[in-house]
PDB file of N, CA and C in Angstrom:
ATOM      1  N   MET A   1      73.160  93.873  49.274  1.00  0.00           N
ATOM      2  CA  MET A   1      72.470  92.677  49.710  1.00  0.00           C
ATOM      3  C   MET A   1      71.498  93.067  50.820  1.00  0.00           C
ATOM      4  N   ALA A   2      70.269  92.614  50.689  1.00  0.00           N
ATOM      5  CA  ALA A   2      69.248  92.873  51.699  1.00  0.00           C
ATOM      6  C   ALA A   2      69.087  91.672  52.619  1.00  0.00           C
ATOM      7  N   ASP A   3      68.953  91.962  53.908  1.00  0.00           N
ATOM      8  CA  ASP A   3      68.624  90.928  54.895  1.00  0.00           C
ATOM      9  C   ASP A   3      67.119  90.728  54.875  1.00  0.00           C
ATOM     10  N   ARG A   4      66.685  89.492  54.777  1.00  0.00           N
ATOM     11  CA  ARG A   4      65.259  89.182  54.755  1.00  0.00           C
ATOM     12  C   ARG A   4      64.920  88.298  55.950  1.00  0.00           C
ATOM     13  N   ARG A   5      64.023  88.799  56.782  1.00  0.00           N
ATOM     14  CA  ARG A   5      63.601  88.037  57.964  1.00  0.00           C
ATOM     15  C   ARG A   5      62.551  87.012  57.569  1.00  0.00           C
ATOM     16  N   VAL A   6      62.757  85.784  57.993  1.00  0.00           N
ATOM     17  CA  VAL A   6      61.842  84.678  57.718  1.00  0.00           C
ATOM     18  C   VAL A   6      61.020  84.422  58.980  1.00  0.00           C
ATOM     19  N   THR A   7      59.685  84.438  58.840  1.00  0.00           N
ATOM     20  CA  THR A   7      58.811  84.205  59.986  1.00  0.00           C
ATOM     21  C   THR A   7      57.995  82.924  59.852  1.00  0.00           C
ATOM     22  N   ALA A   8      58.012  82.337  58.649  1.00  0.00           N
ATOM     23  CA  ALA A   8      57.268  81.104  58.392  1.00  0.00           C
ATOM     24  C   ALA A   8      57.973  80.355  57.263  1.00  0.00           C
ATOM     25  N   SER A   9      57.644  79.070  57.141  1.00  0.00           N
ATOM     26  CA  SER A   9      58.247  78.270  56.071  1.00  0.00           C
ATOM     27  C   SER A   9      57.220  77.291  55.515  1.00  0.00           C
ATOM     28  N   GLY A  10      57.328  77.030  54.219  1.00  0.00           N
ATOM     29  CA  GLY A  10      56.502  76.014  53.579  1.00  0.00           C
ATOM     30  C   GLY A  10      57.246  74.697  53.601  1.00  0.00           C
ATOM     31  N   LYS A  11      56.500  73.619  53.796  1.00  0.00           N
ATOM     32  CA  LYS A  11      57.107  72.292  53.869  1.00  0.00           C
ATOM     33  C   LYS A  11      56.323  71.317  53.011  1.00  0.00           C
ATOM     34  N   ASP A  12      57.016  70.344  52.425  1.00  0.00           N
ATOM     35  CA  ASP A  12      56.317  69.316  51.663  1.00  0.00           C
ATOM     36  C   ASP A  12      55.922  68.172  52.592  1.00  0.00           C
ATOM     37  N   LYS A  13      55.344  67.109  52.033  1.00  0.00           N
ATOM     38  CA  LYS A  13      54.856  65.988  52.856  1.00  0.00           C
ATOM     39  C   LYS A  13      55.975  65.277  53.616  1.00  0.00           C
ATOM     40  N   ASP A  14      57.221  65.416  53.144  1.00  0.00           N
ATOM     41  CA  ASP A  14      58.366  64.809  53.827  1.00  0.00           C
ATOM     42  C   ASP A  14      58.993  65.744  54.860  1.00  0.00           C
ATOM     43  N   GLY A  15      58.473  66.971  54.949  1.00  0.00           N
ATOM     44  CA  GLY A  15      59.006  67.944  55.891  1.00  0.00           C
ATOM     45  C   GLY A  15      60.131  68.793  55.334  1.00  0.00           C
ATOM     46  N   ASP A  16      60.468  68.619  54.050  1.00  0.00           N
ATOM     47  CA  ASP A  16      61.515  69.431  53.432  1.00  0.00           C
ATOM     48  C   ASP A  16      60.996  70.853  53.207  1.00  0.00           C
ATOM     49  N   ILE A  17      61.854  71.834  53.404  1.00  0.00           N
ATOM     50  CA  ILE A  17      61.481  73.227  53.218  1.00  0.00           C
ATOM     51  C   ILE A  17      61.297  73.500  51.728  1.00  0.00           C
ATOM     52  N   THR A  18      60.151  74.091  51.369  1.00  0.00           N
ATOM     53  CA  THR A  18      59.841  74.400  49.968  1.00  0.00           C
ATOM     54  C   THR A  18      59.809  75.896  49.679  1.00  0.00           C
ATOM     55  N   LYS A  19      59.656  76.708  50.740  1.00  0.00           N
ATOM     56  CA  LYS A  19      59.628  78.163  50.551  1.00  0.00           C
ATOM     57  C   LYS A  19      59.860  78.860  51.882  1.00  0.00           C
ATOM     58  N   LEU A  20      60.314  80.108  51.787  1.00  0.00           N
ATOM     59  CA  LEU A  20      60.510  80.965  52.943  1.00  0.00           C
ATOM     60  C   LEU A  20      59.494  82.094  52.867  1.00  0.00           C
ATOM     61  N   CYS A  21      58.966  82.507  54.020  1.00  0.00           N
ATOM     62  CA  CYS A  21      57.889  83.499  54.019  1.00  0.00           C
ATOM     63  C   CYS A  21      58.038  84.519  55.135  1.00  0.00           C
ATOM     64  N   ASN A  22      57.472  85.691  54.869  1.00  0.00           N
ATOM     65  CA  ASN A  22      57.273  86.728  55.865  1.00  0.00           C
ATOM     66  C   ASN A  22      56.077  87.540  55.373  1.00  0.00           C
ATOM     67  N   SER A  23      54.930  87.289  55.939  1.00  0.00           N
ATOM     68  CA  SER A  23      53.681  87.903  55.499  1.00  0.00           C
ATOM     69  C   SER A  23      53.818  89.414  55.393  1.00  0.00           C
ATOM     70  N   GLY A  24      53.369  89.949  54.278  1.00  0.00           N
ATOM     71  CA  GLY A  24      53.410  91.386  54.063  1.00  0.00           C
ATOM     72  C   GLY A  24      54.659  91.887  53.358  1.00  0.00           C
ATOM     73  N   GLU A  25      55.676  91.065  53.252  1.00  0.00           N
ATOM     74  CA  GLU A  25      56.896  91.471  52.546  1.00  0.00           C
ATOM     75  C   GLU A  25      56.723  91.207  51.049  1.00  0.00           C
ATOM     76  N   PRO A  26      57.178  92.114  50.197  1.00  0.00           N
ATOM     77  CA  PRO A  26      56.977  91.931  48.751  1.00  0.00           C
ATOM     78  C   PRO A  26      57.685  90.703  48.167  1.00  0.00           C
ATOM     79  N   TRP A  27      58.727  90.222  48.821  1.00  0.00           N
ATOM     80  CA  TRP A  27      59.472  89.051  48.315  1.00  0.00           C
ATOM     81  C   TRP A  27      58.826  87.725  48.713  1.00  0.00           C
ATOM     82  N   SER A  28      57.868  87.777  49.620  1.00  0.00           N
ATOM     83  CA  SER A  28      57.295  86.557  50.203  1.00  0.00           C
ATOM     84  C   SER A  28      56.020  86.136  49.492  1.00  0.00           C
ATOM     85  N   PRO A  29      55.853  84.815  49.273  1.00  0.00           N
ATOM     86  CA  PRO A  29      56.756  83.710  49.601  1.00  0.00           C
ATOM     87  C   PRO A  29      57.876  83.590  48.573  1.00  0.00           C
ATOM     88  N   ARG A  30      59.023  83.108  49.035  1.00  0.00           N
ATOM     89  CA  ARG A  30      60.189  82.917  48.166  1.00  0.00           C
ATOM     90  C   ARG A  30      60.436  81.423  48.022  1.00  0.00           C
ATOM     91  N   PRO A  31      60.271  80.885  46.795  1.00  0.00           N
ATOM     92  CA  PRO A  31      60.512  79.451  46.588  1.00  0.00           C
ATOM     93  C   PRO A  31      61.940  79.054  46.967  1.00  0.00           C
ATOM     94  N   LYS A  32      62.100  77.825  47.404  1.00  0.00           N
ATOM     95  CA  LYS A  32      63.393  77.298  47.847  1.00  0.00           C
ATOM     96  C   LYS A  32      64.494  77.540  46.815  1.00  0.00           C
ATOM     97  N   ALA A  33      64.251  77.227  45.558  1.00  0.00           N
ATOM     98  CA  ALA A  33      65.285  77.374  44.525  1.00  0.00           C
ATOM     99  C   ALA A  33      65.738  78.825  44.400  1.00  0.00           C
ATOM    100  N   ASP A  34      64.790  79.766  44.507  1.00  0.00           N
ATOM    101  CA  ASP A  34      65.142  81.183  44.414  1.00  0.00           C
ATOM    102  C   ASP A  34      65.929  81.636  45.645  1.00  0.00           C
ATOM    103  N   ALA A  35      65.533  81.167  46.829  1.00  0.00           N
ATOM    104  CA  ALA A  35      66.250  81.516  48.056  1.00  0.00           C
ATOM    105  C   ALA A  35      67.678  80.955  48.017  1.00  0.00           C
ATOM    106  N   ILE A  36      67.828  79.739  47.540  1.00  0.00           N
ATOM    107  CA  ILE A  36      69.167  79.145  47.410  1.00  0.00           C
ATOM    108  C   ILE A  36      70.018  79.985  46.474  1.00  0.00           C
ATOM    109  N   ARG A  37      69.457  80.366  45.343  1.00  0.00           N
ATOM    110  CA  ARG A  37      70.195  81.204  44.382  1.00  0.00           C
ATOM    111  C   ARG A  37      70.566  82.552  45.017  1.00  0.00           C
ATOM    112  N   ASP A  38      69.624  83.167  45.744  1.00  0.00           N
ATOM    113  CA  ASP A  38      69.893  84.445  46.422  1.00  0.00           C
ATOM    114  C   ASP A  38      71.076  84.328  47.379  1.00  0.00           C
ATOM    115  N   ILE A  39      71.079  83.264  48.184  1.00  0.00           N
ATOM    116  CA  ILE A  39      72.135  83.072  49.178  1.00  0.00           C
ATOM    117  C   ILE A  39      73.476  82.784  48.500  1.00  0.00           C
ATOM    118  N   GLU A  40      73.478  81.877  47.545  1.00  0.00           N
ATOM    119  CA  GLU A  40      74.732  81.509  46.875  1.00  0.00           C
ATOM    120  C   GLU A  40      75.323  82.665  46.080  1.00  0.00           C
ATOM    121  N   ASN A  41      74.472  83.493  45.474  1.00  0.00           N
ATOM    122  CA  ASN A  41      74.945  84.641  44.689  1.00  0.00           C
ATOM    123  C   ASN A  41      75.155  85.884  45.551  1.00  0.00           C
ATOM    124  N   LYS A  42      74.856  85.759  46.852  1.00  0.00           N
ATOM    125  CA  LYS A  42      74.977  86.872  47.795  1.00  0.00           C
ATOM    126  C   LYS A  42      74.112  88.060  47.383  1.00  0.00           C
ATOM    127  N   THR A  43      72.968  87.760  46.768  1.00  0.00           N
ATOM    128  CA  THR A  43      72.001  88.787  46.403  1.00  0.00           C
ATOM    129  C   THR A  43      71.206  89.215  47.625  1.00  0.00           C
ATOM    130  N   HIS A  44      70.772  88.238  48.419  1.00  0.00           N
ATOM    131  CA  HIS A  44      70.019  88.468  49.651  1.00  0.00           C
ATOM    132  C   HIS A  44      70.449  87.437  50.677  1.00  0.00           C
ATOM    133  N   SER A  45      70.318  87.819  51.943  1.00  0.00           N
ATOM    134  CA  SER A  45      70.505  86.849  53.019  1.00  0.00           C
ATOM    135  C   SER A  45      69.162  86.671  53.714  1.00  0.00           C
ATOM    136  N   TYR A  46      68.990  85.539  54.344  1.00  0.00           N
ATOM    137  CA  TYR A  46      67.751  85.211  55.061  1.00  0.00           C
ATOM    138  C   TYR A  46      68.117  84.821  56.480  1.00  0.00           C
ATOM    139  N   TYR A  47      67.241  85.184  57.407  1.00  0.00           N
ATOM    140  CA  TYR A  47      67.497  84.855  58.810  1.00  0.00           C
ATOM    141  C   TYR A  47      66.183  84.670  59.550  1.00  0.00           C
ATOM    142  N   VAL A  48      66.287  84.010  60.697  1.00  0.00           N
ATOM    143  CA  VAL A  48      65.155  83.815  61.601  1.00  0.00           C
ATOM    144  C   VAL A  48      65.511  84.527  62.895  1.00  0.00           C
ATOM    145  N   ASP A  49      64.569  85.273  63.433  1.00  0.00           N
ATOM    146  CA  ASP A  49      64.768  85.950  64.717  1.00  0.00           C
ATOM    147  C   ASP A  49      63.627  85.551  65.637  1.00  0.00           C
ATOM    148  N   ARG A  50      63.939  84.733  66.605  1.00  0.00           N
ATOM    149  CA  ARG A  50      62.945  84.276  67.581  1.00  0.00           C
ATOM    150  C   ARG A  50      63.410  84.716  68.957  1.00  0.00           C
ATOM    151  N   ALA A  51      62.575  85.464  69.630  1.00  0.00           N
ATOM    152  CA  ALA A  51      62.872  85.944  70.985  1.00  0.00           C
ATOM    153  C   ALA A  51      64.193  86.714  71.033  1.00  0.00           C
ATOM    154  N   GLY A  52      64.444  87.524  69.996  1.00  0.00           N
ATOM    155  CA  GLY A  52      65.643  88.343  69.969  1.00  0.00           C
ATOM    156  C   GLY A  52      66.923  87.622  69.625  1.00  0.00           C
ATOM    157  N   HIS A  53      66.816  86.372  69.206  1.00  0.00           N
ATOM    158  CA  HIS A  53      67.996  85.591  68.841  1.00  0.00           C
ATOM    159  C   HIS A  53      67.989  85.339  67.334  1.00  0.00           C
ATOM    160  N   ARG A  54      68.950  85.922  66.646  1.00  0.00           N
ATOM    161  CA  ARG A  54      69.042  85.797  65.190  1.00  0.00           C
ATOM    162  C   ARG A  54      69.917  84.614  64.804  1.00  0.00           C
ATOM    163  N   THR A  55      69.432  83.877  63.799  1.00  0.00           N
ATOM    164  CA  THR A  55      70.243  82.812  63.211  1.00  0.00           C
ATOM    165  C   THR A  55      70.057  82.863  61.698  1.00  0.00           C
ATOM    166  N   ASP A  56      71.145  82.725  60.976  1.00  0.00           N
ATOM    167  CA  ASP A  56      71.113  82.829  59.518  1.00  0.00           C
ATOM    168  C   ASP A  56      70.670  81.530  58.864  1.00  0.00           C
ATOM    169  N   VAL A  57      70.099  81.682  57.676  1.00  0.00           N
ATOM    170  CA  VAL A  57      69.716  80.541  56.850  1.00  0.00           C
ATOM    171  C   VAL A  57      70.867  80.278  55.886  1.00  0.00           C
ATOM    172  N   HIS A  58      71.268  79.015  55.797  1.00  0.00           N
ATOM    173  CA  HIS A  58      72.376  78.609  54.930  1.00  0.00           C
ATOM    174  C   HIS A  58      71.919  77.547  53.940  1.00  0.00           C
ATOM    175  N   VAL A  59      72.703  77.393  52.884  1.00  0.00           N
ATOM    176  CA  VAL A  59      72.489  76.327  51.907  1.00  0.00           C
ATOM    177  C   VAL A  59      73.402  75.163  52.291  1.00  0.00           C
ATOM    178  N   VAL A  60      72.801  73.981  52.369  1.00  0.00           N
ATOM    179  CA  VAL A  60      73.545  72.762  52.693  1.00  0.00           C
ATOM    180  C   VAL A  60      73.397  71.811  51.515  1.00  0.00           C
ATOM    181  N   ASN A  61      74.505  71.210  51.103  1.00  0.00           N
ATOM    182  CA  ASN A  61      74.490  70.265  49.995  1.00  0.00           C
ATOM    183  C   ASN A  61      74.743  68.869  50.558  1.00  0.00           C
ATOM    184  N   GLU A  62      73.730  68.026  50.477  1.00  0.00           N
ATOM    185  CA  GLU A  62      73.859  66.648  50.966  1.00  0.00           C
ATOM    186  C   GLU A  62      73.465  65.685  49.855  1.00  0.00           C
ATOM    187  N   GLY A  63      74.379  64.837  49.479  1.00  0.00           N
ATOM    188  CA  GLY A  63      74.094  63.848  48.446  1.00  0.00           C
ATOM    189  C   GLY A  63      73.731  64.467  47.109  1.00  0.00           C
ATOM    190  N   GLY A  64      74.308  65.624  46.819  1.00  0.00           N
ATOM    191  CA  GLY A  64      74.036  66.294  45.552  1.00  0.00           C
ATOM    192  C   GLY A  64      72.731  67.075  45.529  1.00  0.00           C
ATOM    193  N   LYS A  65      72.047  67.148  46.663  1.00  0.00           N
ATOM    194  CA  LYS A  65      70.787  67.878  46.748  1.00  0.00           C
ATOM    195  C   LYS A  65      70.958  69.040  47.718  1.00  0.00           C
ATOM    196  N   LYS A  66      70.433  70.208  47.348  1.00  0.00           N
ATOM    197  CA  LYS A  66      70.585  71.397  48.176  1.00  0.00           C
ATOM    198  C   LYS A  66      69.367  71.606  49.059  1.00  0.00           C
ATOM    199  N   TYR A  67      69.649  71.998  50.307  1.00  0.00           N
ATOM    200  CA  TYR A  67      68.616  72.251  51.304  1.00  0.00           C
ATOM    201  C   TYR A  67      68.867  73.596  51.971  1.00  0.00           C
ATOM    202  N   LEU A  68      67.827  74.141  52.589  1.00  0.00           N
ATOM    203  CA  LEU A  68      67.947  75.352  53.398  1.00  0.00           C
ATOM    204  C   LEU A  68      67.900  74.950  54.863  1.00  0.00           C
ATOM    205  N   ARG A  69      68.835  75.511  55.651  1.00  0.00           N
ATOM    206  CA  ARG A  69      68.880  75.219  57.087  1.00  0.00           C
ATOM    207  C   ARG A  69      69.345  76.445  57.839  1.00  0.00           C
ATOM    208  N   THR A  70      68.928  76.553  59.093  1.00  0.00           N
ATOM    209  CA  THR A  70      69.457  77.593  59.963  1.00  0.00           C
ATOM    210  C   THR A  70      70.717  77.069  60.641  1.00  0.00           C
ATOM    211  N   THR A  71      71.521  77.986  61.128  1.00  0.00           N
ATOM    212  CA  THR A  71      72.731  77.632  61.856  1.00  0.00           C
ATOM    213  C   THR A  71      72.350  76.884  63.129  1.00  0.00           C
ATOM    214  N   ALA A  72      73.013  75.799  63.394  1.00  0.00           N
ATOM    215  CA  ALA A  72      72.747  75.027  64.611  1.00  0.00           C
ATOM    216  C   ALA A  72      73.163  75.833  65.835  1.00  0.00           C
ATOM    217  N   ASP A  73      72.288  75.840  66.834  1.00  0.00           N
ATOM    218  CA  ASP A  73      72.593  76.515  68.087  1.00  0.00           C
ATOM    219  C   ASP A  73      71.872  75.818  69.231  1.00  0.00           C
ATOM    220  N   LYS A  74      71.740  76.484  70.365  1.00  0.00           N
ATOM    221  CA  LYS A  74      71.194  75.858  71.573  1.00  0.00           C
ATOM    222  C   LYS A  74      69.677  75.733  71.592  1.00  0.00           C
ATOM    223  N   THR A  75      68.990  76.352  70.638  1.00  0.00           N
ATOM    224  CA  THR A  75      67.527  76.307  70.634  1.00  0.00           C
ATOM    225  C   THR A  75      67.001  75.768  69.320  1.00  0.00           C
ATOM    226  N   SER A  76      65.865  75.127  69.371  1.00  0.00           N
ATOM    227  CA  SER A  76      65.246  74.629  68.143  1.00  0.00           C
ATOM    228  C   SER A  76      64.109  75.551  67.691  1.00  0.00           C
ATOM    229  N   LYS A  77      63.809  76.594  68.467  1.00  0.00           N
ATOM    230  CA  LYS A  77      62.718  77.507  68.130  1.00  0.00           C
ATOM    231  C   LYS A  77      62.960  78.238  66.812  1.00  0.00           C
ATOM    232  N   ASN A  78      64.227  78.401  66.435  1.00  0.00           N
ATOM    233  CA  ASN A  78      64.543  79.132  65.215  1.00  0.00           C
ATOM    234  C   ASN A  78      64.829  78.223  64.023  1.00  0.00           C
ATOM    235  N   ASN A  79      64.586  76.937  64.155  1.00  0.00           N
ATOM    236  CA  ASN A  79      64.757  76.013  63.037  1.00  0.00           C
ATOM    237  C   ASN A  79      63.646  76.243  62.025  1.00  0.00           C
ATOM    238  N   LEU A  80      63.978  76.184  60.753  1.00  0.00           N
ATOM    239  CA  LEU A  80      62.965  76.383  59.708  1.00  0.00           C
ATOM    240  C   LEU A  80      61.824  75.384  59.846  1.00  0.00           C
ATOM    241  N   ASP A  81      62.140  74.164  60.249  1.00  0.00           N
ATOM    242  CA  ASP A  81      61.110  73.127  60.432  1.00  0.00           C
ATOM    243  C   ASP A  81      60.085  73.510  61.496  1.00  0.00           C
ATOM    244  N   ASN A  82      60.499  74.294  62.475  1.00  0.00           N
ATOM    245  CA  ASN A  82      59.624  74.613  63.596  1.00  0.00           C
ATOM    246  C   ASN A  82      58.874  75.933  63.444  1.00  0.00           C
ATOM    247  N   LEU A  83      59.084  76.625  62.331  1.00  0.00           N
ATOM    248  CA  LEU A  83      58.341  77.857  62.086  1.00  0.00           C
ATOM    249  C   LEU A  83      56.927  77.530  61.637  1.00  0.00           C
ATOM    250  N   PRO A  84      55.998  78.462  61.814  1.00  0.00           N
ATOM    251  CA  PRO A  84      54.639  78.224  61.325  1.00  0.00           C
ATOM    252  C   PRO A  84      54.644  77.997  59.814  1.00  0.00           C
ATOM    253  N   ASP A  85      53.640  77.283  59.327  1.00  0.00           N
ATOM    254  CA  ASP A  85      53.518  77.042  57.886  1.00  0.00           C
ATOM    255  C   ASP A  85      53.056  78.314  57.177  1.00  0.00           C
ATOM    256  N   CYS A  86      53.483  78.434  55.934  1.00  0.00           N
ATOM    257  CA  CYS A  86      53.007  79.547  55.122  1.00  0.00           C
ATOM    258  C   CYS A  86      52.450  79.045  53.811  1.00  0.00           C
TER     259      CYS A  86
END
């Protein structure tokens, strides 16, 4: 399993994450459905590292719909919503 650093995220008009990105990486951009499959199958993991603080990206199932989210912690700088657009 490869760790993939996420530096940007794509969002739709509602603010939902649609893709994960890291410019220059061969896997980027990675559509949400593919990233969810990677995480659930343990093929790849994704994480955000802001100011030396790593937080993992997880799959959350709410109301039968799957979403990508970072682990909740003391900072919002590493939230997928707050990353630059890609």
